[in-house]
């Protein structure tokens, strides 16, 4: 499912226009991105949590030449699925 298909489903379930659903979905995603990029954790109970995680510096290899290189430390976005989401995907 891509964003356009998600907008269609949200518009149908919420009984709003596609334009309204797109505006709300875009605003919600922007808010999550802004919060996580500023260091906050976003938790949607039952769905999951979004947060920034530290990735340590490590040694890697250039795939073309095979030379060793240092990969610097960085922050990466991470998502952890909530209990309800996990149970819907993999029922017991």
PDB file of N, CA and C in Angstrom:
ATOM      1  N   UNK A   1       0.855  -1.177   0.000  1.00  0.00           N
ATOM      2  CA  UNK A   1       0.000   0.000   0.000  1.00  0.00           C
ATOM      3  C   UNK A   1       0.897   1.235   0.000  1.00  0.00           C
ATOM      4  N   UNK A   2       0.624   2.156  -0.916  1.00  0.00           N
ATOM      5  CA  UNK A   2       1.375   3.408  -0.939  1.00  0.00           C
ATOM      6  C   UNK A   2       0.544   4.520  -0.278  1.00  0.00           C
ATOM      7  N   UNK A   3       1.095   5.728  -0.248  1.00  0.00           N
ATOM      8  CA  UNK A   3       0.424   6.826   0.449  1.00  0.00           C
ATOM      9  C   UNK A   3      -0.939   7.134  -0.175  1.00  0.00           C
ATOM     10  N   UNK A   4      -1.015   7.106  -1.501  1.00  0.00           N
ATOM     11  CA  UNK A   4      -2.286   7.394  -2.176  1.00  0.00           C
ATOM     12  C   UNK A   4      -3.370   6.396  -1.796  1.00  0.00           C
ATOM     13  N   UNK A   5      -3.004   5.122  -1.726  1.00  0.00           N
ATOM     14  CA  UNK A   5      -3.966   4.093  -1.341  1.00  0.00           C
ATOM     15  C   UNK A   5      -4.364   4.245   0.123  1.00  0.00           C
ATOM     16  N   UNK A   6      -3.411   4.622   0.968  1.00  0.00           N
ATOM     17  CA  UNK A   6      -3.712   4.853   2.384  1.00  0.00           C
ATOM     18  C   UNK A   6      -4.668   6.033   2.538  1.00  0.00           C
ATOM     19  N   UNK A   7      -4.449   7.094   1.781  1.00  0.00           N
ATOM     20  CA  UNK A   7      -5.344   8.255   1.815  1.00  0.00           C
ATOM     21  C   UNK A   7      -6.757   7.830   1.421  1.00  0.00           C
ATOM     22  N   UNK A   8      -6.883   6.996   0.397  1.00  0.00           N
ATOM     23  CA  UNK A   8      -8.203   6.513  -0.031  1.00  0.00           C
ATOM     24  C   UNK A   8      -8.913   5.751   1.090  1.00  0.00           C
ATOM     25  N   UNK A   9      -8.191   4.871   1.773  1.00  0.00           N
ATOM     26  CA  UNK A   9      -8.775   4.076   2.859  1.00  0.00           C
ATOM     27  C   UNK A   9      -9.176   4.975   4.026  1.00  0.00           C
ATOM     28  N   UNK A  10      -8.296   5.912   4.393  1.00  0.00           N
ATOM     29  CA  UNK A  10      -8.601   6.822   5.509  1.00  0.00           C
ATOM     30  C   UNK A  10      -9.815   7.678   5.172  1.00  0.00           C
ATOM     31  N   UNK A  11      -9.888   8.186   3.952  1.00  0.00           N
ATOM     32  CA  UNK A  11     -11.024   9.014   3.539  1.00  0.00           C
ATOM     33  C   UNK A  11     -12.330   8.237   3.636  1.00  0.00           C
ATOM     34  N   UNK A  12     -12.287   6.971   3.217  1.00  0.00           N
ATOM     35  CA  UNK A  12     -13.490   6.141   3.263  1.00  0.00           C
ATOM     36  C   UNK A  12     -13.897   5.822   4.701  1.00  0.00           C
ATOM     37  N   UNK A  13     -12.924   5.433   5.534  1.00  0.00           N
ATOM     38  CA  UNK A  13     -13.239   5.050   6.919  1.00  0.00           C
ATOM     39  C   UNK A  13     -13.672   6.248   7.762  1.00  0.00           C
ATOM     40  N   UNK A  14     -13.078   7.418   7.520  1.00  0.00           N
ATOM     41  CA  UNK A  14     -13.392   8.603   8.320  1.00  0.00           C
ATOM     42  C   UNK A  14     -14.531   9.419   7.716  1.00  0.00           C
ATOM     43  N   UNK A  15     -15.015   8.995   6.545  1.00  0.00           N
ATOM     44  CA  UNK A  15     -16.107   9.688   5.854  1.00  0.00           C
ATOM     45  C   UNK A  15     -15.771  11.157   5.589  1.00  0.00           C
ATOM     46  N   UNK A  16     -14.558  11.382   5.065  1.00  0.00           N
ATOM     47  CA  UNK A  16     -14.111  12.725   4.675  1.00  0.00           C
ATOM     48  C   UNK A  16     -13.622  12.653   3.231  1.00  0.00           C
ATOM     49  N   UNK A  17     -13.333  13.814   2.655  1.00  0.00           N
ATOM     50  CA  UNK A  17     -12.840  13.832   1.281  1.00  0.00           C
ATOM     51  C   UNK A  17     -11.397  13.348   1.246  1.00  0.00           C
ATOM     52  N   UNK A  18     -10.959  12.938   0.059  1.00  0.00           N
ATOM     53  CA  UNK A  18      -9.568  12.490  -0.100  1.00  0.00           C
ATOM     54  C   UNK A  18      -8.605  13.633   0.182  1.00  0.00           C
ATOM     55  N   UNK A  19      -8.995  14.841  -0.194  1.00  0.00           N
ATOM     56  CA  UNK A  19      -8.139  16.013   0.042  1.00  0.00           C
ATOM     57  C   UNK A  19      -7.960  16.251   1.540  1.00  0.00           C
ATOM     58  N   UNK A  20      -9.033  16.129   2.301  1.00  0.00           N
ATOM     59  CA  UNK A  20      -8.956  16.301   3.755  1.00  0.00           C
ATOM     60  C   UNK A  20      -8.120  15.192   4.392  1.00  0.00           C
ATOM     61  N   UNK A  21      -8.338  13.962   3.943  1.00  0.00           N
ATOM     62  CA  UNK A  21      -7.584  12.829   4.485  1.00  0.00           C
ATOM     63  C   UNK A  21      -6.098  12.987   4.184  1.00  0.00           C
ATOM     64  N   UNK A  22      -5.761  13.436   2.974  1.00  0.00           N
ATOM     65  CA  UNK A  22      -4.364  13.648   2.607  1.00  0.00           C
ATOM     66  C   UNK A  22      -3.735  14.725   3.479  1.00  0.00           C
ATOM     67  N   UNK A  23      -4.467  15.806   3.733  1.00  0.00           N
ATOM     68  CA  UNK A  23      -3.943  16.898   4.555  1.00  0.00           C
ATOM     69  C   UNK A  23      -3.681  16.418   5.985  1.00  0.00           C
ATOM     70  N   UNK A  24      -4.594  15.647   6.544  1.00  0.00           N
ATOM     71  CA  UNK A  24      -4.438  15.152   7.911  1.00  0.00           C
ATOM     72  C   UNK A  24      -3.292  14.145   7.990  1.00  0.00           C
ATOM     73  N   UNK A  25      -3.228  13.222   7.035  1.00  0.00           N
ATOM     74  CA  UNK A  25      -2.164  12.221   7.031  1.00  0.00           C
ATOM     75  C   UNK A  25      -0.795  12.878   6.880  1.00  0.00           C
ATOM     76  N   UNK A  26      -0.691  13.836   5.971  1.00  0.00           N
ATOM     77  CA  UNK A  26       0.572  14.549   5.761  1.00  0.00           C
ATOM     78  C   UNK A  26       0.979  15.309   7.022  1.00  0.00           C
ATOM     79  N   UNK A  27       0.025  15.980   7.661  1.00  0.00           N
ATOM     80  CA  UNK A  27       0.314  16.723   8.893  1.00  0.00           C
ATOM     81  C   UNK A  27       0.766  15.781  10.003  1.00  0.00           C
ATOM     82  N   UNK A  28       0.118  14.620  10.127  1.00  0.00           N
ATOM     83  CA  UNK A  28       0.491  13.662  11.167  1.00  0.00           C
ATOM     84  C   UNK A  28       1.895  13.122  10.936  1.00  0.00           C
ATOM     85  N   UNK A  29       2.205  12.760   9.700  1.00  0.00           N
ATOM     86  CA  UNK A  29       3.544  12.253   9.388  1.00  0.00           C
ATOM     87  C   UNK A  29       4.608  13.323   9.609  1.00  0.00           C
ATOM     88  N   UNK A  30       4.303  14.550   9.208  1.00  0.00           N
ATOM     89  CA  UNK A  30       5.255  15.656   9.435  1.00  0.00           C
ATOM     90  C   UNK A  30       5.511  15.869  10.925  1.00  0.00           C
ATOM     91  N   UNK A  31       4.461  15.772  11.733  1.00  0.00           N
ATOM     92  CA  UNK A  31       4.609  15.956  13.178  1.00  0.00           C
ATOM     93  C   UNK A  31       5.487  14.857  13.776  1.00  0.00           C
ATOM     94  N   UNK A  32       5.304  13.609  13.325  1.00  0.00           N
ATOM     95  CA  UNK A  32       6.125  12.504  13.819  1.00  0.00           C
ATOM     96  C   UNK A  32       7.579  12.715  13.413  1.00  0.00           C
ATOM     97  N   UNK A  33       7.815  13.089  12.159  1.00  0.00           N
ATOM     98  CA  UNK A  33       9.180  13.316  11.665  1.00  0.00           C
ATOM     99  C   UNK A  33       9.862  14.435  12.439  1.00  0.00           C
ATOM    100  N   UNK A  34       9.157  15.541  12.661  1.00  0.00           N
ATOM    101  CA  UNK A  34       9.729  16.671  13.402  1.00  0.00           C
ATOM    102  C   UNK A  34      10.075  16.274  14.834  1.00  0.00           C
ATOM    103  N   UNK A  35       9.172  15.547  15.493  1.00  0.00           N
ATOM    104  CA  UNK A  35       9.399  15.155  16.882  1.00  0.00           C
ATOM    105  C   UNK A  35      10.599  14.215  16.998  1.00  0.00           C
ATOM    106  N   UNK A  36      10.663  13.209  16.134  1.00  0.00           N
ATOM    107  CA  UNK A  36      11.761  12.242  16.200  1.00  0.00           C
ATOM    108  C   UNK A  36      13.086  12.902  15.841  1.00  0.00           C
ATOM    109  N   UNK A  37      13.078  13.797  14.847  1.00  0.00           N
ATOM    110  CA  UNK A  37      14.330  14.456  14.454  1.00  0.00           C
ATOM    111  C   UNK A  37      14.840  15.401  15.531  1.00  0.00           C
ATOM    112  N   UNK A  38      13.945  15.886  16.410  1.00  0.00           N
ATOM    113  CA  UNK A  38      14.385  16.756  17.499  1.00  0.00           C
ATOM    114  C   UNK A  38      14.744  15.968  18.756  1.00  0.00           C
ATOM    115  N   UNK A  39      14.678  14.631  18.676  1.00  0.00           N
ATOM    116  CA  UNK A  39      15.110  13.803  19.795  1.00  0.00           C
ATOM    117  C   UNK A  39      13.996  13.236  20.648  1.00  0.00           C
ATOM    118  N   UNK A  40      12.746  13.567  20.349  1.00  0.00           N
ATOM    119  CA  UNK A  40      11.623  13.050  21.127  1.00  0.00           C
ATOM    120  C   UNK A  40      11.230  11.648  20.650  1.00  0.00           C
ATOM    121  N   UNK A  41      10.547  10.933  21.521  1.00  0.00           N
ATOM    122  CA  UNK A  41      10.005   9.621  21.168  1.00  0.00           C
ATOM    123  C   UNK A  41       8.502   9.796  20.987  1.00  0.00           C
ATOM    124  N   UNK A  42       7.955   9.243  19.906  1.00  0.00           N
ATOM    125  CA  UNK A  42       6.520   9.324  19.633  1.00  0.00           C
ATOM    126  C   UNK A  42       5.926   7.937  19.847  1.00  0.00           C
ATOM    127  N   UNK A  43       4.976   7.838  20.778  1.00  0.00           N
ATOM    128  CA  UNK A  43       4.352   6.556  21.083  1.00  0.00           C
ATOM    129  C   UNK A  43       2.866   6.623  20.768  1.00  0.00           C
ATOM    130  N   UNK A  44       2.410   5.726  19.917  1.00  0.00           N
ATOM    131  CA  UNK A  44       0.997   5.592  19.594  1.00  0.00           C
ATOM    132  C   UNK A  44       0.568   4.245  20.181  1.00  0.00           C
ATOM    133  N   UNK A  45      -0.126   4.283  21.303  1.00  0.00           N
ATOM    134  CA  UNK A  45      -0.470   3.076  22.053  1.00  0.00           C
ATOM    135  C   UNK A  45      -1.194   2.081  21.147  1.00  0.00           C
ATOM    136  N   UNK A  46      -0.720   0.849  21.140  1.00  0.00           N
ATOM    137  CA  UNK A  46      -1.299  -0.203  20.322  1.00  0.00           C
ATOM    138  C   UNK A  46      -0.685  -0.289  18.941  1.00  0.00           C
ATOM    139  N   UNK A  47      -0.177   0.836  18.423  1.00  0.00           N
ATOM    140  CA  UNK A  47       0.422   0.848  17.093  1.00  0.00           C
ATOM    141  C   UNK A  47       1.927   0.663  17.169  1.00  0.00           C
ATOM    142  N   UNK A  48       2.596   1.564  17.903  1.00  0.00           N
ATOM    143  CA  UNK A  48       4.044   1.437  18.035  1.00  0.00           C
ATOM    144  C   UNK A  48       4.705   2.740  18.437  1.00  0.00           C
ATOM    145  N   UNK A  49       6.039   2.709  18.444  1.00  0.00           N
ATOM    146  CA  UNK A  49       6.834   3.864  18.855  1.00  0.00           C
ATOM    147  C   UNK A  49       7.865   4.205  17.793  1.00  0.00           C
ATOM    148  N   UNK A  50       8.046   5.496  17.591  1.00  0.00           N
ATOM    149  CA  UNK A  50       9.067   6.009  16.686  1.00  0.00           C
ATOM    150  C   UNK A  50      10.095   6.733  17.531  1.00  0.00           C
ATOM    151  N   UNK A  51      11.376   6.509  17.256  1.00  0.00           N
ATOM    152  CA  UNK A  51      12.429   7.195  17.997  1.00  0.00           C
ATOM    153  C   UNK A  51      13.697   7.244  17.157  1.00  0.00           C
ATOM    154  N   UNK A  52      14.620   8.097  17.584  1.00  0.00           N
ATOM    155  CA  UNK A  52      15.936   8.154  16.954  1.00  0.00           C
ATOM    156  C   UNK A  52      16.878   7.293  17.786  1.00  0.00           C
ATOM    157  N   UNK A  53      17.686   6.495  17.121  1.00  0.00           N
ATOM    158  CA  UNK A  53      18.661   5.655  17.822  1.00  0.00           C
ATOM    159  C   UNK A  53      20.059   5.995  17.338  1.00  0.00           C
ATOM    160  N   UNK A  54      21.009   5.862  18.266  1.00  0.00           N
ATOM    161  CA  UNK A  54      22.412   6.107  17.941  1.00  0.00           C
ATOM    162  C   UNK A  54      23.006   4.870  17.272  1.00  0.00           C
ATOM    163  N   UNK A  55      23.722   5.072  16.194  1.00  0.00           N
ATOM    164  CA  UNK A  55      24.464   3.980  15.567  1.00  0.00           C
ATOM    165  C   UNK A  55      25.940   4.285  15.774  1.00  0.00           C
ATOM    166  N   UNK A  56      26.662   3.365  16.378  1.00  0.00           N
ATOM    167  CA  UNK A  56      28.077   3.566  16.678  1.00  0.00           C
ATOM    168  C   UNK A  56      28.915   3.603  15.412  1.00  0.00           C
ATOM    169  N   UNK A  57      30.081   4.241  15.535  1.00  0.00           N
ATOM    170  CA  UNK A  57      31.045   4.216  14.431  1.00  0.00           C
ATOM    171  C   UNK A  57      31.536   2.784  14.271  1.00  0.00           C
ATOM    172  N   UNK A  58      31.808   2.391  13.037  1.00  0.00           N
ATOM    173  CA  UNK A  58      32.259   1.023  12.814  1.00  0.00           C
ATOM    174  C   UNK A  58      33.151   0.970  11.582  1.00  0.00           C
ATOM    175  N   UNK A  59      33.809  -0.157  11.452  1.00  0.00           N
ATOM    176  CA  UNK A  59      34.690  -0.340  10.312  1.00  0.00           C
ATOM    177  C   UNK A  59      33.924  -1.073   9.215  1.00  0.00           C
ATOM    178  N   UNK A  60      34.059  -0.585   7.990  1.00  0.00           N
ATOM    179  CA  UNK A  60      33.392  -1.220   6.862  1.00  0.00           C
ATOM    180  C   UNK A  60      34.375  -1.413   5.724  1.00  0.00           C
ATOM    181  N   UNK A  61      33.870  -1.890   4.616  1.00  0.00           N
ATOM    182  CA  UNK A  61      34.712  -2.085   3.438  1.00  0.00           C
ATOM    183  C   UNK A  61      34.052  -1.444   2.235  1.00  0.00           C
ATOM    184  N   UNK A  62      34.892  -0.867   1.381  1.00  0.00           N
ATOM    185  CA  UNK A  62      34.419  -0.329   0.112  1.00  0.00           C
ATOM    186  C   UNK A  62      34.130  -1.540  -0.781  1.00  0.00           C
ATOM    187  N   UNK A  63      32.880  -1.700  -1.254  1.00  0.00           N
ATOM    188  CA  UNK A  63      32.559  -2.884  -2.034  1.00  0.00           C
ATOM    189  C   UNK A  63      33.304  -2.965  -3.375  1.00  0.00           C
ATOM    190  N   UNK A  64      33.693  -1.830  -3.922  1.00  0.00           N
ATOM    191  CA  UNK A  64      34.417  -1.828  -5.201  1.00  0.00           C
ATOM    192  C   UNK A  64      35.867  -2.262  -5.035  1.00  0.00           C
ATOM    193  N   UNK A  65      36.536  -1.650  -4.054  1.00  0.00           N
ATOM    194  CA  UNK A  65      37.970  -1.881  -3.920  1.00  0.00           C
ATOM    195  C   UNK A  65      38.338  -2.872  -2.830  1.00  0.00           C
ATOM    196  N   UNK A  66      37.430  -3.077  -1.874  1.00  0.00           N
ATOM    197  CA  UNK A  66      37.732  -3.961  -0.752  1.00  0.00           C
ATOM    198  C   UNK A  66      38.531  -3.272   0.343  1.00  0.00           C
ATOM    199  N   UNK A  67      38.859  -1.991   0.166  1.00  0.00           N
ATOM    200  CA  UNK A  67      39.621  -1.239   1.163  1.00  0.00           C
ATOM    201  C   UNK A  67      38.791  -1.029   2.427  1.00  0.00           C
ATOM    202  N   UNK A  68      39.465  -1.082   3.582  1.00  0.00           N
ATOM    203  CA  UNK A  68      38.797  -0.807   4.850  1.00  0.00           C
ATOM    204  C   UNK A  68      38.535   0.688   4.943  1.00  0.00           C
ATOM    205  N   UNK A  69      37.414   1.028   5.588  1.00  0.00           N
ATOM    206  CA  UNK A  69      37.086   2.440   5.797  1.00  0.00           C
ATOM    207  C   UNK A  69      36.307   2.574   7.101  1.00  0.00           C
ATOM    208  N   UNK A  70      36.374   3.753   7.679  1.00  0.00           N
ATOM    209  CA  UNK A  70      35.672   4.034   8.926  1.00  0.00           C
ATOM    210  C   UNK A  70      34.305   4.623   8.583  1.00  0.00           C
ATOM    211  N   UNK A  71      33.238   3.999   9.099  1.00  0.00           N
ATOM    212  CA  UNK A  71      31.886   4.515   8.915  1.00  0.00           C
ATOM    213  C   UNK A  71      31.558   5.302  10.181  1.00  0.00           C
ATOM    214  N   UNK A  72      31.265   6.598  10.055  1.00  0.00           N
ATOM    215  CA  UNK A  72      31.067   7.430  11.251  1.00  0.00           C
ATOM    216  C   UNK A  72      29.780   7.093  12.006  1.00  0.00           C
ATOM    217  N   UNK A  73      29.745   7.484  13.281  1.00  0.00           N
ATOM    218  CA  UNK A  73      28.544   7.320  14.105  1.00  0.00           C
ATOM    219  C   UNK A  73      27.457   8.241  13.558  1.00  0.00           C
ATOM    220  N   UNK A  74      26.209   7.825  13.714  1.00  0.00           N
ATOM    221  CA  UNK A  74      25.097   8.627  13.221  1.00  0.00           C
ATOM    222  C   UNK A  74      23.823   8.276  13.987  1.00  0.00           C
ATOM    223  N   UNK A  75      22.782   9.043  13.773  1.00  0.00           N
ATOM    224  CA  UNK A  75      21.463   8.744  14.328  1.00  0.00           C
ATOM    225  C   UNK A  75      20.603   8.191  13.196  1.00  0.00           C
ATOM    226  N   UNK A  76      19.782   7.204  13.520  1.00  0.00           N
ATOM    227  CA  UNK A  76      18.878   6.624  12.537  1.00  0.00           C
ATOM    228  C   UNK A  76      17.472   6.543  13.121  1.00  0.00           C
ATOM    229  N   UNK A  77      16.439   6.692  12.282  1.00  0.00           N
ATOM    230  CA  UNK A  77      15.074   6.536  12.785  1.00  0.00           C
ATOM    231  C   UNK A  77      14.773   5.062  13.012  1.00  0.00           C
ATOM    232  N   UNK A  78      13.961   4.776  14.045  1.00  0.00           N
ATOM    233  CA  UNK A  78      13.609   3.396  14.355  1.00  0.00           C
ATOM    234  C   UNK A  78      12.133   3.319  14.739  1.00  0.00           C
ATOM    235  N   UNK A  79      11.525   2.187  14.409  1.00  0.00           N
ATOM    236  CA  UNK A  79      10.125   1.938  14.748  1.00  0.00           C
ATOM    237  C   UNK A  79      10.030   0.613  15.489  1.00  0.00           C
ATOM    238  N   UNK A  80       9.290   0.606  16.583  1.00  0.00           N
ATOM    239  CA  UNK A  80       9.016  -0.635  17.320  1.00  0.00           C
ATOM    240  C   UNK A  80       7.509  -0.831  17.330  1.00  0.00           C
ATOM    241  N   UNK A  81       7.039  -1.943  16.810  1.00  0.00           N
ATOM    242  CA  UNK A  81       5.601  -2.216  16.756  1.00  0.00           C
ATOM    243  C   UNK A  81       5.041  -2.443  18.146  1.00  0.00           C
ATOM    244  N   UNK A  82       3.814  -1.981  18.369  1.00  0.00           N
ATOM    245  CA  UNK A  82       3.134  -2.171  19.642  1.00  0.00           C
ATOM    246  C   UNK A  82       2.521  -3.557  19.745  1.00  0.00           C
ATOM    247  N   UNK A  83       2.057  -3.898  20.930  1.00  0.00           N
ATOM    248  CA  UNK A  83       1.520  -5.231  21.215  1.00  0.00           C
ATOM    249  C   UNK A  83       0.326  -5.569  20.315  1.00  0.00           C
ATOM    250  N   UNK A  84      -0.627  -4.653  20.187  1.00  0.00           N
ATOM    251  CA  UNK A  84      -1.833  -4.900  19.378  1.00  0.00           C
ATOM    252  C   UNK A  84      -1.452  -5.118  17.920  1.00  0.00           C
ATOM    253  N   UNK A  85      -0.523  -4.297  17.399  1.00  0.00           N
ATOM    254  CA  UNK A  85      -0.069  -4.402  16.011  1.00  0.00           C
ATOM    255  C   UNK A  85       0.590  -5.768  15.789  1.00  0.00           C
ATOM    256  N   UNK A  86       1.450  -6.168  16.693  1.00  0.00           N
ATOM    257  CA  UNK A  86       2.139  -7.458  16.573  1.00  0.00           C
ATOM    258  C   UNK A  86       1.130  -8.612  16.572  1.00  0.00           C
ATOM    259  N   UNK A  87       0.125  -8.522  17.448  1.00  0.00           N
ATOM    260  CA  UNK A  87      -0.862  -9.597  17.555  1.00  0.00           C
ATOM    261  C   UNK A  87      -1.741  -9.689  16.297  1.00  0.00           C
ATOM    262  N   UNK A  88      -2.019  -8.549  15.661  1.00  0.00           N
ATOM    263  CA  UNK A  88      -2.817  -8.556  14.423  1.00  0.00           C
ATOM    264  C   UNK A  88      -2.028  -9.158  13.270  1.00  0.00           C
ATOM    265  N   UNK A  89      -0.706  -8.910  13.236  1.00  0.00           N
ATOM    266  CA  UNK A  89       0.129  -9.426  12.164  1.00  0.00           C
ATOM    267  C   UNK A  89       0.396 -10.920  12.344  1.00  0.00           C
ATOM    268  N   UNK A  90       0.667 -11.320  13.576  1.00  0.00           N
ATOM    269  CA  UNK A  90       0.985 -12.722  13.857  1.00  0.00           C
ATOM    270  C   UNK A  90       0.112 -13.229  14.990  1.00  0.00           C
ATOM    271  N   UNK A  91      -1.141 -13.597  14.686  1.00  0.00           N
ATOM    272  CA  UNK A  91      -2.030 -14.086  15.744  1.00  0.00           C
ATOM    273  C   UNK A  91      -1.509 -15.389  16.352  1.00  0.00           C
ATOM    274  N   UNK A  92      -1.769 -15.548  17.633  1.00  0.00           N
ATOM    275  CA  UNK A  92      -1.277 -16.741  18.340  1.00  0.00           C
ATOM    276  C   UNK A  92      -2.208 -17.913  18.158  1.00  0.00           C
TER     277      UNK A  92
END
